[in-house]
N, C-alpha and C. Protein backbone atom coordinates (compact mmCIF):
# COMPACT_ATOMS: atom_id res chain seq x y z
N MET A 1 0.81 -1.20 0.00
CA MET A 1 0.00 0.00 0.00
C MET A 1 0.86 1.27 0.00
N ALA A 2 1.92 1.25 0.77
CA ALA A 2 2.79 2.43 0.81
C ALA A 2 3.43 2.68 -0.55
N ARG A 3 3.70 1.61 -1.26
CA ARG A 3 4.34 1.75 -2.56
C ARG A 3 3.43 2.49 -3.55
N SER A 4 2.14 2.13 -3.59
CA SER A 4 1.24 2.80 -4.53
C SER A 4 0.98 4.24 -4.11
N ALA A 5 0.94 4.51 -2.81
CA ALA A 5 0.77 5.89 -2.35
C ALA A 5 1.98 6.73 -2.74
N THR A 6 3.17 6.14 -2.65
CA THR A 6 4.38 6.85 -3.05
C THR A 6 4.37 7.12 -4.55
N GLY A 7 3.93 6.14 -5.33
CA GLY A 7 3.84 6.32 -6.78
C GLY A 7 2.88 7.43 -7.15
N ARG A 8 1.72 7.49 -6.48
CA ARG A 8 0.76 8.56 -6.76
C ARG A 8 1.33 9.91 -6.37
N SER A 9 2.04 9.95 -5.25
CA SER A 9 2.65 11.20 -4.81
C SER A 9 3.68 11.69 -5.82
N ARG A 10 4.51 10.78 -6.32
CA ARG A 10 5.52 11.17 -7.32
C ARG A 10 4.86 11.64 -8.61
N SER A 11 3.80 10.96 -9.01
CA SER A 11 3.10 11.35 -10.23
C SER A 11 2.50 12.74 -10.10
N ARG A 12 1.90 13.01 -8.95
CA ARG A 12 1.33 14.36 -8.72
C ARG A 12 2.44 15.40 -8.74
N GLU A 13 3.58 15.05 -8.15
CA GLU A 13 4.69 16.00 -8.13
C GLU A 13 5.20 16.28 -9.54
N ARG A 14 5.27 15.25 -10.41
CA ARG A 14 5.69 15.46 -11.80
C ARG A 14 4.71 16.38 -12.52
N ARG A 15 3.42 16.17 -12.29
CA ARG A 15 2.42 17.03 -12.94
C ARG A 15 2.54 18.46 -12.44
N ARG A 16 2.84 18.63 -11.15
CA ARG A 16 3.02 20.00 -10.63
C ARG A 16 4.19 20.69 -11.31
N TRP A 17 5.30 19.96 -11.49
CA TRP A 17 6.47 20.57 -12.15
C TRP A 17 6.17 20.90 -13.60
N LEU A 18 5.46 20.02 -14.28
CA LEU A 18 5.10 20.28 -15.66
C LEU A 18 4.19 21.50 -15.74
N THR A 19 3.23 21.58 -14.82
CA THR A 19 2.32 22.73 -14.78
C THR A 19 3.09 24.01 -14.48
N ARG A 20 4.05 23.95 -13.59
CA ARG A 20 4.87 25.14 -13.29
C ARG A 20 5.65 25.59 -14.52
N GLY A 21 6.15 24.63 -15.27
CA GLY A 21 6.89 24.96 -16.49
C GLY A 21 6.01 25.65 -17.50
N VAL A 22 4.81 25.09 -17.69
CA VAL A 22 3.87 25.70 -18.64
C VAL A 22 3.46 27.08 -18.14
N GLY A 23 3.20 27.20 -16.86
CA GLY A 23 2.82 28.50 -16.31
C GLY A 23 3.90 29.54 -16.47
N SER A 24 5.15 29.13 -16.30
CA SER A 24 6.27 30.07 -16.46
C SER A 24 6.34 30.60 -17.89
N ILE A 25 6.18 29.71 -18.84
CA ILE A 25 6.22 30.15 -20.23
C ILE A 25 5.01 31.01 -20.55
N GLY A 26 3.84 30.61 -20.03
CA GLY A 26 2.64 31.41 -20.27
C GLY A 26 2.77 32.81 -19.69
N LEU A 27 3.29 32.92 -18.49
CA LEU A 27 3.48 34.24 -17.88
C LEU A 27 4.50 35.08 -18.64
N SER A 28 5.48 34.42 -19.23
CA SER A 28 6.52 35.18 -19.94
C SER A 28 5.95 35.98 -21.09
N SER A 29 4.87 35.50 -21.69
CA SER A 29 4.29 36.22 -22.83
C SER A 29 3.69 37.56 -22.42
N PHE A 30 3.26 37.66 -21.16
CA PHE A 30 2.65 38.91 -20.71
C PHE A 30 3.69 40.00 -20.40
N PHE A 31 4.92 39.58 -20.15
CA PHE A 31 5.96 40.53 -19.79
C PHE A 31 6.93 40.83 -20.92
N SER A 32 6.66 40.34 -22.11
CA SER A 32 7.66 40.40 -23.16
C SER A 32 8.00 41.81 -23.61
N ASP A 33 7.05 42.73 -23.65
CA ASP A 33 7.37 44.08 -24.11
C ASP A 33 7.86 44.99 -22.98
N SER A 34 7.37 44.76 -21.77
CA SER A 34 7.73 45.67 -20.69
C SER A 34 8.95 45.22 -19.90
N GLY A 35 9.33 43.98 -19.98
CA GLY A 35 10.50 43.52 -19.22
C GLY A 35 11.07 42.25 -19.82
N HIS A 36 11.93 42.42 -20.80
CA HIS A 36 12.49 41.26 -21.47
C HIS A 36 13.27 40.35 -20.53
N GLU A 37 13.91 40.91 -19.52
CA GLU A 37 14.69 40.09 -18.61
C GLU A 37 13.80 39.10 -17.88
N LEU A 38 12.68 39.57 -17.36
CA LEU A 38 11.74 38.70 -16.66
C LEU A 38 11.14 37.67 -17.61
N ALA A 39 10.82 38.09 -18.82
CA ALA A 39 10.24 37.17 -19.80
C ALA A 39 11.22 36.04 -20.13
N PHE A 40 12.49 36.38 -20.33
CA PHE A 40 13.48 35.35 -20.62
C PHE A 40 13.71 34.43 -19.42
N ALA A 41 13.72 34.99 -18.21
CA ALA A 41 13.90 34.16 -17.02
C ALA A 41 12.74 33.18 -16.86
N LEU A 42 11.53 33.66 -17.05
CA LEU A 42 10.37 32.77 -16.94
C LEU A 42 10.35 31.72 -18.05
N ALA A 43 10.67 32.13 -19.26
CA ALA A 43 10.70 31.17 -20.37
C ALA A 43 11.79 30.12 -20.15
N GLY A 44 12.95 30.55 -19.69
CA GLY A 44 14.03 29.61 -19.42
C GLY A 44 13.68 28.62 -18.32
N SER A 45 13.05 29.11 -17.25
CA SER A 45 12.66 28.17 -16.19
C SER A 45 11.58 27.23 -16.68
N GLY A 46 10.68 27.72 -17.50
CA GLY A 46 9.64 26.85 -18.06
C GLY A 46 10.21 25.76 -18.93
N ILE A 47 11.17 26.10 -19.76
CA ILE A 47 11.80 25.11 -20.63
C ILE A 47 12.57 24.09 -19.78
N GLY A 48 13.28 24.57 -18.78
CA GLY A 48 14.01 23.66 -17.90
C GLY A 48 13.09 22.68 -17.19
N LEU A 49 11.97 23.17 -16.68
CA LEU A 49 11.02 22.29 -16.01
C LEU A 49 10.38 21.31 -16.98
N ALA A 50 10.04 21.78 -18.17
CA ALA A 50 9.38 20.91 -19.15
C ALA A 50 10.33 19.82 -19.64
N GLU A 51 11.58 20.16 -19.92
CA GLU A 51 12.51 19.15 -20.39
C GLU A 51 12.83 18.13 -19.31
N THR A 52 12.85 18.55 -18.05
CA THR A 52 13.02 17.61 -16.95
C THR A 52 11.84 16.66 -16.87
N ALA A 53 10.64 17.19 -17.03
CA ALA A 53 9.43 16.35 -17.01
C ALA A 53 9.43 15.37 -18.18
N GLU A 54 9.91 15.80 -19.34
CA GLU A 54 9.99 14.89 -20.49
C GLU A 54 10.94 13.74 -20.21
N SER A 55 12.08 14.02 -19.60
CA SER A 55 13.03 12.96 -19.26
C SER A 55 12.43 12.00 -18.25
N ALA A 56 11.71 12.53 -17.26
CA ALA A 56 11.06 11.66 -16.27
C ALA A 56 10.01 10.79 -16.94
N LEU A 57 9.31 11.34 -17.92
CA LEU A 57 8.29 10.57 -18.63
C LEU A 57 8.93 9.44 -19.43
N VAL A 58 10.04 9.70 -20.11
CA VAL A 58 10.74 8.66 -20.87
C VAL A 58 11.22 7.56 -19.91
N ALA A 59 11.78 7.95 -18.79
CA ALA A 59 12.27 6.97 -17.81
C ALA A 59 11.13 6.12 -17.28
N ARG A 60 9.97 6.73 -17.12
CA ARG A 60 8.81 6.00 -16.58
C ARG A 60 8.20 5.05 -17.61
N LEU A 61 8.14 5.46 -18.86
CA LEU A 61 7.42 4.68 -19.86
C LEU A 61 8.23 3.55 -20.48
N LEU A 62 9.55 3.70 -20.55
CA LEU A 62 10.36 2.71 -21.27
C LEU A 62 10.94 1.65 -20.33
N PRO A 63 10.99 0.40 -20.79
CA PRO A 63 11.64 -0.64 -19.99
C PRO A 63 13.15 -0.41 -19.94
N ASP A 64 13.79 -1.04 -18.97
CA ASP A 64 15.23 -0.83 -18.74
C ASP A 64 16.07 -1.00 -20.00
N HIS A 65 15.82 -2.03 -20.78
CA HIS A 65 16.68 -2.31 -21.93
C HIS A 65 16.51 -1.31 -23.08
N LEU A 66 15.48 -0.49 -23.04
CA LEU A 66 15.27 0.52 -24.10
C LEU A 66 15.53 1.95 -23.64
N ARG A 67 15.81 2.13 -22.37
CA ARG A 67 15.95 3.50 -21.85
C ARG A 67 17.07 4.29 -22.49
N GLY A 68 18.21 3.68 -22.72
CA GLY A 68 19.34 4.39 -23.34
C GLY A 68 18.98 4.90 -24.72
N SER A 69 18.35 4.04 -25.52
CA SER A 69 17.92 4.47 -26.86
C SER A 69 16.82 5.52 -26.77
N GLY A 70 15.94 5.36 -25.79
CA GLY A 70 14.87 6.34 -25.62
C GLY A 70 15.39 7.72 -25.28
N PHE A 71 16.38 7.78 -24.39
CA PHE A 71 16.96 9.08 -24.04
C PHE A 71 17.72 9.68 -25.22
N GLY A 72 18.38 8.82 -26.00
CA GLY A 72 19.06 9.32 -27.20
C GLY A 72 18.08 9.90 -28.20
N LEU A 73 16.97 9.20 -28.41
CA LEU A 73 15.93 9.69 -29.32
C LEU A 73 15.31 10.98 -28.79
N LEU A 74 15.06 11.02 -27.47
CA LEU A 74 14.51 12.24 -26.87
C LEU A 74 15.45 13.43 -27.09
N GLY A 75 16.75 13.21 -26.90
CA GLY A 75 17.72 14.29 -27.12
C GLY A 75 17.72 14.78 -28.56
N GLY A 76 17.63 13.85 -29.51
CA GLY A 76 17.58 14.23 -30.92
C GLY A 76 16.32 15.01 -31.26
N VAL A 77 15.19 14.54 -30.75
CA VAL A 77 13.92 15.23 -31.01
C VAL A 77 13.92 16.61 -30.37
N GLN A 78 14.43 16.70 -29.13
CA GLN A 78 14.51 18.00 -28.47
C GLN A 78 15.41 18.96 -29.23
N SER A 79 16.52 18.47 -29.75
CA SER A 79 17.44 19.33 -30.51
C SER A 79 16.78 19.88 -31.77
N CYS A 80 16.11 19.00 -32.52
CA CYS A 80 15.41 19.45 -33.73
C CYS A 80 14.29 20.42 -33.38
N GLY A 81 13.56 20.10 -32.32
CA GLY A 81 12.48 21.00 -31.89
C GLY A 81 13.00 22.34 -31.42
N ASP A 82 14.11 22.34 -30.69
CA ASP A 82 14.71 23.60 -30.23
C ASP A 82 15.15 24.46 -31.41
N PHE A 83 15.74 23.82 -32.41
CA PHE A 83 16.18 24.56 -33.60
C PHE A 83 14.98 25.16 -34.34
N ALA A 84 13.95 24.35 -34.58
CA ALA A 84 12.76 24.83 -35.30
C ALA A 84 12.04 25.93 -34.51
N ALA A 85 11.92 25.74 -33.19
CA ALA A 85 11.25 26.75 -32.38
C ALA A 85 12.04 28.05 -32.35
N SER A 86 13.36 27.95 -32.25
CA SER A 86 14.19 29.16 -32.25
C SER A 86 14.05 29.91 -33.58
N ALA A 87 14.01 29.17 -34.67
CA ALA A 87 13.84 29.82 -35.97
C ALA A 87 12.47 30.50 -36.07
N ALA A 88 11.43 29.80 -35.62
CA ALA A 88 10.08 30.37 -35.69
C ALA A 88 9.96 31.61 -34.80
N VAL A 89 10.46 31.52 -33.57
CA VAL A 89 10.38 32.68 -32.66
C VAL A 89 11.22 33.83 -33.21
N GLY A 90 12.38 33.53 -33.76
CA GLY A 90 13.21 34.59 -34.35
C GLY A 90 12.52 35.30 -35.49
N LEU A 91 11.86 34.53 -36.34
CA LEU A 91 11.12 35.13 -37.45
C LEU A 91 9.96 35.99 -36.94
N LEU A 92 9.21 35.46 -35.98
CA LEU A 92 8.09 36.24 -35.42
C LEU A 92 8.59 37.50 -34.73
N TRP A 93 9.67 37.37 -33.98
CA TRP A 93 10.24 38.51 -33.26
C TRP A 93 10.65 39.60 -34.25
N THR A 94 11.30 39.20 -35.34
CA THR A 94 11.79 40.16 -36.33
C THR A 94 10.66 40.74 -37.17
N ALA A 95 9.76 39.90 -37.62
CA ALA A 95 8.72 40.34 -38.54
C ALA A 95 7.55 41.03 -37.85
N ILE A 96 7.23 40.61 -36.62
CA ILE A 96 6.03 41.17 -35.96
C ILE A 96 6.43 41.92 -34.69
N SER A 97 6.75 41.17 -33.63
CA SER A 97 7.16 41.80 -32.36
C SER A 97 7.68 40.72 -31.42
N SER A 98 8.30 41.15 -30.35
CA SER A 98 8.77 40.19 -29.35
C SER A 98 7.60 39.48 -28.69
N THR A 99 6.49 40.17 -28.51
CA THR A 99 5.31 39.55 -27.92
C THR A 99 4.83 38.37 -28.76
N ALA A 100 4.85 38.52 -30.06
CA ALA A 100 4.42 37.43 -30.94
C ALA A 100 5.28 36.19 -30.73
N GLY A 101 6.58 36.39 -30.56
CA GLY A 101 7.47 35.27 -30.31
C GLY A 101 7.17 34.57 -29.00
N PHE A 102 6.96 35.34 -27.93
CA PHE A 102 6.66 34.75 -26.63
C PHE A 102 5.29 34.09 -26.62
N VAL A 103 4.31 34.67 -27.28
CA VAL A 103 2.98 34.07 -27.35
C VAL A 103 3.04 32.74 -28.11
N TYR A 104 3.81 32.70 -29.18
CA TYR A 104 4.00 31.46 -29.93
C TYR A 104 4.59 30.37 -29.03
N ALA A 105 5.62 30.72 -28.27
CA ALA A 105 6.26 29.74 -27.38
C ALA A 105 5.28 29.26 -26.32
N ALA A 106 4.52 30.17 -25.72
CA ALA A 106 3.56 29.79 -24.69
C ALA A 106 2.46 28.90 -25.26
N THR A 107 1.97 29.25 -26.43
CA THR A 107 0.92 28.45 -27.07
C THR A 107 1.42 27.06 -27.41
N SER A 108 2.62 26.95 -27.92
CA SER A 108 3.19 25.64 -28.24
C SER A 108 3.30 24.77 -27.00
N MET A 109 3.74 25.34 -25.89
CA MET A 109 3.87 24.58 -24.65
C MET A 109 2.51 24.13 -24.14
N LEU A 110 1.51 25.00 -24.23
CA LEU A 110 0.17 24.62 -23.78
C LEU A 110 -0.41 23.49 -24.64
N VAL A 111 -0.21 23.57 -25.94
CA VAL A 111 -0.70 22.51 -26.84
C VAL A 111 0.00 21.19 -26.53
N ALA A 112 1.30 21.22 -26.30
CA ALA A 112 2.04 20.00 -25.99
C ALA A 112 1.57 19.39 -24.68
N THR A 113 1.34 20.22 -23.68
CA THR A 113 0.86 19.71 -22.39
C THR A 113 -0.54 19.14 -22.51
N ALA A 114 -1.42 19.83 -23.23
CA ALA A 114 -2.77 19.33 -23.43
C ALA A 114 -2.76 17.99 -24.17
N SER A 115 -1.88 17.85 -25.14
CA SER A 115 -1.76 16.59 -25.87
C SER A 115 -1.30 15.46 -24.96
N ALA A 116 -0.32 15.76 -24.11
CA ALA A 116 0.18 14.74 -23.19
C ALA A 116 -0.90 14.33 -22.19
N LEU A 117 -1.66 15.28 -21.71
CA LEU A 117 -2.74 14.97 -20.78
C LEU A 117 -3.85 14.18 -21.47
N ARG A 118 -4.19 14.57 -22.68
CA ARG A 118 -5.28 13.92 -23.42
C ARG A 118 -4.95 12.48 -23.77
N THR A 119 -3.70 12.22 -24.13
CA THR A 119 -3.32 10.87 -24.53
C THR A 119 -3.05 9.96 -23.33
N GLY A 120 -3.04 10.52 -22.14
CA GLY A 120 -2.80 9.71 -20.95
C GLY A 120 -1.34 9.50 -20.64
N ALA A 121 -0.46 10.22 -21.31
CA ALA A 121 0.97 10.09 -21.03
C ALA A 121 1.29 10.58 -19.62
N ILE A 122 0.49 11.50 -19.11
CA ILE A 122 0.69 12.03 -17.75
C ILE A 122 -0.52 11.58 -16.94
N THR A 123 -0.34 10.54 -16.13
CA THR A 123 -1.41 10.00 -15.28
C THR A 123 -0.84 9.63 -13.94
N ASP A 124 -1.71 9.24 -13.04
CA ASP A 124 -1.25 8.71 -11.74
C ASP A 124 -0.59 7.36 -11.97
N ALA A 125 0.49 7.11 -11.25
CA ALA A 125 1.21 5.84 -11.38
C ALA A 125 0.45 4.73 -10.71
């Protein structure tokens, strides 16, 4: 019984960190024109929290013999995604405004989180 309670507690804690990451990125979009420093700090903490949650999810979902390959694939996907997102935000920042770039980043994070929740990737253990 203690084992399942501990698993539920850890799962709730992972969801809290993921939610904090999404919230940080979402808040960053509101501060993008009036305080770039705060917007970057919030976006950076959101990305750090989200990437940590992604690693925890890979560790949880994959069996021991596939974990090394899973983390390698996750790193490759994150790298490609980081490059594409940086290009998109850079284009939006240059062509429209800094707010457009931060709103794009926040929206992308919210869509990714909603997808993970909808598919059941983030559930109680």
